[in-house]
Protein backbone atom coordinates (compact mmCIF):
# COMPACT_ATOMS: atom_id res chain seq x y z
CA UNK A 1 92.76 117.43 64.67
CA UNK A 2 90.24 120.27 64.70
CA UNK A 3 90.93 121.71 68.16
CA UNK A 4 92.11 125.27 68.72
CA UNK A 5 94.42 124.96 71.74
CA UNK A 6 94.56 128.73 72.16
CA UNK A 7 90.81 128.82 72.71
CA UNK A 8 89.36 128.32 76.26
CA UNK A 9 88.08 124.81 76.92
CA UNK A 10 84.55 126.04 77.56
CA UNK A 11 84.42 127.25 73.95
CA UNK A 12 85.65 124.03 72.34
CA UNK A 13 83.40 122.50 69.70
CA UNK A 14 84.95 119.41 68.15
CA UNK A 15 83.96 115.94 67.00
CA UNK A 16 86.71 114.61 69.30
CA UNK A 17 84.98 115.81 72.49
CA UNK A 18 83.37 113.06 74.59
CA UNK A 19 81.52 112.89 77.90
CA UNK A 20 83.09 111.14 80.87
CA UNK A 21 82.25 111.07 84.60
CA UNK A 22 83.69 114.16 86.27
CA UNK A 23 83.57 115.08 89.95
CA UNK A 24 83.97 118.34 91.82
CA UNK A 25 86.94 120.30 90.49
CA UNK A 26 88.44 123.76 90.69
CA UNK A 27 89.39 123.96 87.02
CA UNK A 28 87.66 123.50 83.69
CA UNK A 29 88.04 119.89 82.53
CA UNK A 30 86.99 118.31 79.22
CA UNK A 31 87.67 115.01 77.50
CA UNK A 32 88.79 114.12 73.98
CA UNK A 33 88.95 110.69 72.36
CA UNK A 34 91.53 109.77 69.70
CA UNK A 35 92.11 106.27 68.32
CA UNK A 36 90.09 104.62 71.12
CA UNK A 37 92.09 106.42 73.83
CA UNK A 38 90.49 109.11 75.99
CA UNK A 39 92.43 112.07 77.34
CA UNK A 40 91.48 114.52 80.09
CA UNK A 41 92.29 118.16 79.36
CA UNK A 42 92.47 120.61 82.29
CA UNK A 43 92.97 124.38 82.36
CA UNK A 44 94.96 125.98 85.19
CA UNK A 45 97.64 128.66 85.83
CA UNK A 46 101.15 127.96 84.57
CA UNK A 47 103.00 127.31 87.86
CA UNK A 48 100.55 124.74 89.30
CA UNK A 49 100.21 123.28 85.80
CA UNK A 50 103.95 122.68 85.55
CA UNK A 51 104.05 121.21 89.06
CA UNK A 52 101.12 118.94 88.27
CA UNK A 53 102.79 117.71 85.09
CA UNK A 54 106.25 117.21 86.65
CA UNK A 55 104.95 115.35 89.71
CA UNK A 56 102.76 113.09 87.56
CA UNK A 57 105.75 112.40 85.29
CA UNK A 58 107.92 111.42 88.27
CA UNK A 59 105.14 109.24 89.69
CA UNK A 60 104.82 107.55 86.29
CA UNK A 61 108.54 106.70 86.40
CA UNK A 62 107.93 105.04 89.78
CA UNK A 63 104.85 103.18 88.46
CA UNK A 64 102.78 104.91 91.15
CA UNK A 65 98.95 104.85 91.20
CA UNK A 66 98.38 108.17 89.42
CA UNK A 67 96.99 109.30 86.07
CA UNK A 68 99.58 109.35 83.29
CA UNK A 69 100.72 112.75 81.97
CA UNK A 70 100.78 113.32 78.21
CA UNK A 71 101.79 116.96 77.88
CA UNK A 72 101.48 120.55 79.04
CA UNK A 73 100.57 123.41 76.71
CA UNK A 74 101.32 126.98 77.81
CA UNK A 75 99.26 129.78 76.28
CA UNK A 76 102.00 132.37 76.00
CA UNK A 77 99.67 135.25 75.17
CA UNK A 78 97.97 135.02 78.58
CA UNK A 79 99.05 136.19 82.03
CA UNK A 80 100.71 133.00 83.47
CA UNK A 81 98.92 133.49 86.80
CA UNK A 82 95.43 133.39 85.30
CA UNK A 83 93.16 130.40 85.01
CA UNK A 84 93.63 128.76 81.62
CA UNK A 85 97.17 130.03 81.03
CA UNK A 86 98.21 126.37 80.81
CA UNK A 87 96.48 123.19 79.61
CA UNK A 88 97.43 119.85 81.15
CA UNK A 89 96.72 116.70 79.15
CA UNK A 90 96.57 113.32 80.93
CA UNK A 91 95.42 109.90 79.85
CA UNK A 92 91.95 109.17 81.18
CA UNK A 93 91.85 106.22 83.59
CA UNK A 94 89.44 103.84 81.87
CA UNK A 95 86.46 102.68 83.94
CA UNK A 96 87.46 104.94 86.82
CA UNK A 97 84.91 107.28 88.38
CA UNK A 98 85.05 110.27 90.75
CA UNK A 99 84.08 110.01 94.40
CA UNK A 100 80.46 111.09 94.16
CA UNK A 101 79.80 108.30 91.66
CA UNK A 102 80.87 105.81 94.35
CA UNK A 103 78.25 107.11 96.76
CA UNK A 104 74.64 105.93 96.88
CA UNK A 105 72.21 108.53 98.20
CA UNK A 106 74.99 110.11 100.22
CA UNK A 107 76.15 106.85 101.79
CA UNK A 108 79.00 104.45 101.09
CA UNK A 109 77.22 101.39 102.43
CA UNK A 110 79.15 98.14 101.89
CA UNK A 111 81.92 100.01 100.06
CA UNK A 112 82.96 101.93 103.18
CA UNK A 113 85.62 99.45 104.44
CA UNK A 114 87.00 99.14 100.90
CA UNK A 115 87.25 102.92 100.59
CA UNK A 116 89.06 103.20 103.93
CA UNK A 117 91.64 100.62 102.88
CA UNK A 118 92.01 102.01 99.36
CA UNK A 119 92.68 105.63 100.35
CA UNK A 120 94.98 104.58 103.20
CA UNK A 121 96.89 102.31 100.82
CA UNK A 122 97.19 105.08 98.24
CA UNK A 123 98.69 107.46 100.81
CA UNK A 124 101.15 104.81 102.00
CA UNK A 125 102.30 104.14 98.45
CA UNK A 126 102.74 107.82 97.66
CA UNK A 127 104.66 108.43 100.89
CA UNK A 128 106.95 105.49 100.17
CA UNK A 129 107.76 107.20 96.85
CA UNK A 130 108.58 110.42 98.75
CA UNK A 131 105.43 112.19 97.52
CA UNK A 132 103.98 114.91 99.75
CA UNK A 133 100.50 115.40 98.31
CA UNK A 134 99.51 118.58 100.11
CA UNK A 135 95.82 118.33 99.17
CA UNK A 136 94.65 114.75 99.62
CA UNK A 137 90.89 114.59 99.36
CA UNK A 138 88.31 112.10 98.17
CA UNK A 139 87.60 114.35 95.19
CA UNK A 140 91.24 114.32 94.04
CA UNK A 141 91.13 110.55 93.58
CA UNK A 142 89.57 108.34 90.92
CA UNK A 143 88.10 104.99 91.91
CA UNK A 144 87.94 101.76 89.96
CA UNK A 145 86.43 98.44 90.95
CA UNK A 146 89.32 96.02 91.47
CA UNK A 147 88.31 92.51 92.38
CA UNK A 148 86.16 92.95 95.51
CA UNK A 149 88.01 96.14 96.46
CA UNK A 150 88.55 99.64 95.12
CA UNK A 151 91.61 100.79 93.23
CA UNK A 152 92.52 104.43 93.92
CA UNK A 153 94.29 106.70 91.42
CA UNK A 154 95.71 110.14 92.19
CA UNK A 155 94.28 112.60 89.66
CA UNK A 156 95.36 116.03 90.93
CA UNK A 157 99.01 116.74 91.80
CA UNK A 158 99.22 120.52 91.47
CA UNK A 159 100.03 120.89 95.20
CA UNK A 160 102.31 117.85 95.41
CA UNK A 161 106.10 117.57 95.61
CA UNK A 162 108.46 114.62 95.26
CA UNK A 163 111.21 114.49 97.86
CA UNK A 164 114.16 112.11 98.27
CA UNK A 165 112.70 111.12 101.63
CA UNK A 166 109.44 112.10 103.29
CA UNK A 167 109.93 112.79 106.99
CA UNK A 168 107.52 111.73 109.71
CA UNK A 169 106.55 115.38 110.07
CA UNK A 170 105.74 115.58 106.36
CA UNK A 171 103.64 112.44 106.56
CA UNK A 172 101.73 113.73 109.59
CA UNK A 173 101.05 117.04 107.86
CA UNK A 174 99.72 115.23 104.78
CA UNK A 175 97.46 113.07 106.95
CA UNK A 176 96.08 116.07 108.85
CA UNK A 177 95.28 117.80 105.55
CA UNK A 178 93.51 114.64 104.41
CA UNK A 179 91.43 114.45 107.60
CA UNK A 180 90.35 118.10 107.29
CA UNK A 181 89.53 117.79 103.59
CA UNK A 182 87.58 114.56 103.98
CA UNK A 183 85.57 115.99 106.88
CA UNK A 184 84.61 119.02 104.80
CA UNK A 185 83.69 116.81 101.83
CA UNK A 186 81.47 114.57 103.93
CA UNK A 187 79.73 117.60 105.45
CA UNK A 188 79.11 119.04 101.96
CA UNK A 189 77.90 115.69 100.70
CA UNK A 190 75.46 115.29 103.57
CA UNK A 191 74.07 118.77 102.96
CA UNK A 192 73.65 118.05 99.24
CA UNK A 193 71.30 115.12 99.97
CA UNK A 194 69.37 116.86 102.75
CA UNK A 195 71.13 115.33 105.74
CA UNK A 196 72.11 117.27 108.84
CA UNK A 197 75.69 117.77 109.99
CA UNK A 198 75.09 115.22 112.77
CA UNK A 199 74.24 112.65 110.10
CA UNK A 200 77.40 113.31 108.07
CA UNK A 201 80.14 110.67 108.08
CA UNK A 202 82.60 113.06 109.74
CA UNK A 203 84.75 110.29 111.18
CA UNK A 204 85.72 108.90 107.78
CA UNK A 205 89.01 110.83 107.58
CA UNK A 206 90.11 109.76 111.06
CA UNK A 207 89.39 106.13 110.22
CA UNK A 208 91.45 106.41 107.03
CA UNK A 209 94.29 107.83 109.15
CA UNK A 210 94.05 104.91 111.59
CA UNK A 211 94.28 102.35 108.80
CA UNK A 212 97.12 104.31 107.25
CA UNK A 213 99.15 104.10 110.48
CA UNK A 214 98.67 100.33 110.75
CA UNK A 215 99.71 99.81 107.13
CA UNK A 216 102.64 102.23 107.37
CA UNK A 217 104.03 100.41 110.40
CA UNK A 218 103.73 97.12 108.56
CA UNK A 219 105.63 98.27 105.47
CA UNK A 220 108.21 100.58 107.02
CA UNK A 221 108.71 99.76 110.69
CA UNK A 222 111.69 97.94 112.20
CA UNK A 223 110.80 94.70 113.99
CA UNK A 224 112.69 93.12 116.88
CA UNK A 225 112.85 89.33 116.45
CA UNK A 226 114.27 86.91 119.07
CA UNK A 227 117.07 84.67 117.80
CA UNK A 228 114.97 81.55 118.32
CA UNK A 229 112.10 82.98 116.24
CA UNK A 230 113.84 83.69 112.93
CA UNK A 231 110.86 82.13 111.14
CA UNK A 232 109.08 85.46 111.74
CA UNK A 233 111.25 86.97 108.99
CA UNK A 234 109.45 84.77 106.45
CA UNK A 235 106.12 85.62 108.12
CA UNK A 236 106.86 89.33 107.66
CA UNK A 237 107.59 88.85 103.96
CA UNK A 238 104.41 86.81 103.48
CA UNK A 239 102.31 89.52 105.16
CA UNK A 240 103.80 92.18 102.90
CA UNK A 241 103.16 90.03 99.83
CA UNK A 242 99.57 89.50 101.00
CA UNK A 243 99.20 93.28 101.05
CA UNK A 244 100.50 93.32 97.49
CA UNK A 245 103.98 94.73 98.16
CA UNK A 246 107.11 93.41 96.50
CA UNK A 247 110.05 93.08 98.90
CA UNK A 248 113.14 94.78 97.46
CA UNK A 249 115.62 94.53 100.35
CA UNK A 250 115.87 92.81 103.72
CA UNK A 251 118.20 94.21 106.38
CA UNK A 252 118.92 92.13 109.49
CA UNK A 253 121.02 93.74 112.23
CA UNK A 254 122.07 91.62 115.24
CA UNK A 255 121.58 93.32 118.60
CA UNK A 256 124.71 93.64 120.78
CA UNK A 257 123.04 91.41 123.38
CA UNK A 258 122.87 88.59 120.78
CA UNK A 259 119.35 87.78 122.05
CA UNK A 260 117.50 89.24 119.07
CA UNK A 261 117.88 90.90 115.68
CA UNK A 262 116.35 94.02 114.18
CA UNK A 263 114.59 93.41 110.88
CA UNK A 264 113.92 96.21 108.40
CA UNK A 265 112.33 95.48 105.04
CA UNK A 266 112.34 97.84 102.06
CA UNK A 267 109.27 97.39 99.89
CA UNK A 268 108.82 98.19 96.23
CA UNK A 269 105.77 98.41 94.01
CA UNK A 270 102.42 97.17 95.26
CA UNK A 271 102.15 94.67 92.41
CA UNK A 272 103.14 91.30 93.89
CA UNK A 273 99.97 89.44 92.88
CA UNK A 274 99.85 91.06 89.43
CA UNK A 275 103.46 90.06 88.77
CA UNK A 276 102.88 86.52 90.04
CA UNK A 277 99.76 86.07 87.88
CA UNK A 278 101.62 87.37 84.82
CA UNK A 279 104.52 84.96 85.45
CA UNK A 280 102.21 81.95 85.83
CA UNK A 281 99.53 82.61 83.23
CA UNK A 282 100.47 85.59 81.07
CA UNK A 283 97.25 87.36 82.15
CA UNK A 284 97.48 91.12 82.66
CA UNK A 285 95.28 92.31 85.53
CA UNK A 286 95.31 94.87 88.30
CA UNK A 287 96.67 93.97 91.72
CA UNK A 288 93.45 92.99 93.48
CA UNK A 289 91.99 91.36 90.39
CA UNK A 290 95.16 89.27 90.27
CA UNK A 291 94.67 88.32 93.91
CA UNK A 292 91.21 86.95 93.03
CA UNK A 293 92.43 85.09 89.95
CA UNK A 294 95.30 83.45 91.85
CA UNK A 295 92.82 82.38 94.52
CA UNK A 296 90.61 80.87 91.80
CA UNK A 297 93.61 78.99 90.40
CA UNK A 298 94.22 77.54 93.87
CA UNK A 299 90.50 76.69 94.20
CA UNK A 300 90.62 74.79 90.89
CA UNK A 301 93.84 73.01 91.90
CA UNK A 302 92.19 71.92 95.15
CA UNK A 303 89.13 70.55 93.30
CA UNK A 304 91.16 68.43 90.88
CA UNK A 305 93.86 67.45 93.35
CA UNK A 306 95.97 64.44 92.26
CA UNK A 307 94.61 64.58 88.70
CA UNK A 308 96.75 67.66 88.03
CA UNK A 309 100.40 67.60 86.88
CA UNK A 310 103.01 68.47 89.48
CA UNK A 311 104.44 71.43 87.59
CA UNK A 312 102.75 74.70 88.71
CA UNK A 313 103.27 76.38 85.34
CA UNK A 314 101.47 73.52 83.55
CA UNK A 315 98.61 73.66 86.04
CA UNK A 316 98.30 77.42 85.55
CA UNK A 317 98.23 76.98 81.76
CA UNK A 318 95.46 74.38 82.03
CA UNK A 319 93.43 76.63 84.37
CA UNK A 320 93.65 79.46 81.88
CA UNK A 321 92.62 77.30 78.91
CA UNK A 322 89.98 75.12 80.62
CA UNK A 323 88.47 77.51 83.19
CA UNK A 324 89.31 81.16 82.81
CA UNK A 325 89.00 81.71 79.05
CA UNK A 326 85.79 79.65 78.52
CA UNK A 327 84.06 81.50 81.36
CA UNK A 328 85.33 84.80 80.01
CA UNK A 329 83.80 83.98 76.62
CA UNK A 330 80.41 83.32 78.23
CA UNK A 331 80.54 86.46 80.33
CA UNK A 332 81.42 88.58 77.30
CA UNK A 333 78.05 87.78 75.72
CA UNK A 334 76.27 89.77 78.45
CA UNK A 335 78.58 92.77 78.78
CA UNK A 336 78.53 96.05 76.91
CA UNK A 337 81.40 96.75 74.46
CA UNK A 338 84.52 97.96 76.22
CA UNK A 339 83.57 96.44 79.60
CA UNK A 340 86.33 95.07 81.82
CA UNK A 341 86.13 91.31 81.26
CA UNK A 342 88.68 90.54 83.97
CA UNK A 343 86.58 92.46 86.49
CA UNK A 344 83.49 90.61 85.31
CA UNK A 345 85.24 87.32 86.08
CA UNK A 346 86.17 88.64 89.53
CA UNK A 347 82.52 89.62 90.05
CA UNK A 348 81.56 86.05 89.15
CA UNK A 349 83.98 84.70 91.77
CA UNK A 350 82.46 87.01 94.38
CA UNK A 351 78.99 85.85 93.33
CA UNK A 352 80.11 82.22 93.73
CA UNK A 353 81.34 82.97 97.24
CA UNK A 354 78.08 84.55 98.40
CA UNK A 355 75.99 81.80 96.81
CA UNK A 356 78.13 79.22 98.63
CA UNK A 357 77.73 81.03 101.95
CA UNK A 358 73.95 81.18 101.49
CA UNK A 359 73.80 77.48 100.55
CA UNK A 360 76.17 76.37 103.29
CA UNK A 361 78.28 74.48 100.76
CA UNK A 362 80.45 75.08 97.71
CA UNK A 363 78.07 75.64 94.77
CA UNK A 364 80.81 75.65 92.13
CA UNK A 365 81.62 78.11 89.38
CA UNK A 366 79.27 76.66 86.76
CA UNK A 367 76.19 77.05 88.96
CA UNK A 368 77.24 80.56 89.96
CA UNK A 369 77.76 81.46 86.30
CA UNK A 370 74.33 80.10 85.32
CA UNK A 371 72.70 82.13 88.09
CA UNK A 372 74.69 85.23 87.11
CA UNK A 373 73.67 84.94 83.45
CA UNK A 374 69.98 84.49 84.32
CA UNK A 375 69.85 87.93 85.93
CA UNK A 376 68.05 90.59 83.86
CA UNK A 377 71.08 92.83 84.19
CA UNK A 378 74.34 91.42 85.59
CA UNK A 379 76.02 93.57 88.27
CA UNK A 380 77.94 96.60 87.02
CA UNK A 381 80.91 97.78 89.14
CA UNK A 382 80.32 101.13 90.85
């Protein structure tokens, strides 16, 4: 590999260098591609470089939504406090883009609710893993279209720490940092497109914080349940699964009055739908893509009704062979090489929904697919 690691990134000249979307960043970042895999290479001082690498490694062990670390190179001949004394290598998150690529003329438009939920969900997940970020901002996150939502991926952990338990004070501090950073980013963004400060989306950070609090209470709070309403335990688990969280432990403590119990649920990875789809069909997809595919399986089951076998695994296998894979083959004829076929199928399902709403009736997947394929250029995520 013809790369001189002792040479500053700005001076690299190699056939392995490739261009990828890059947002605002404090450090020099370049990308290299080897054997169809792209890696991000970032220069920074040694201490934040080591912290970045160690936190990302610990988050990888927890299967957290963060870029995957590959290695850290230290340039021993340089002062360790200077920029470029260390080089962090991470695996590039395919089809993910920085924040400013999500924007359209300085506005989020229809993606705004999805962004609020995605960033709030990312913070909740990280805090459940004991991660104090210390510099949460929209620019330190990568975004990937996931079903009809956004998937968020932490990309900068040089200020982060992993603790055995993150206190309420630590969570509040992280949220306040996020609010301040997001406000500054939105002000800068508005100025960059000629908008005044009054026109900037300065409330975005506060709204993320509000959604965070609702989600945090759902996944971590203790609930008081009357003895004659024990069915609410199952409701709680279903709500958590709907949010994508696996339930690891359930703790029920009777109250001394014997009139109610206290329920506390410990959640695990936010991969419930992805795991369920894999179990039923063998399809690997992201969490929200899996949510869409499972809904399509249910839609197909509803259409065929009694004609289907009773065994869910057999029905899922038929759906994959008779519906999912044939449609995927047709979609692949219109997509560029390397495109996310699963996401394209999810886009088709969204297109079917909006066509049905406009028509006032269910138009069916075949009609939606025909309409989708007739477009000069099918929709491209983000």
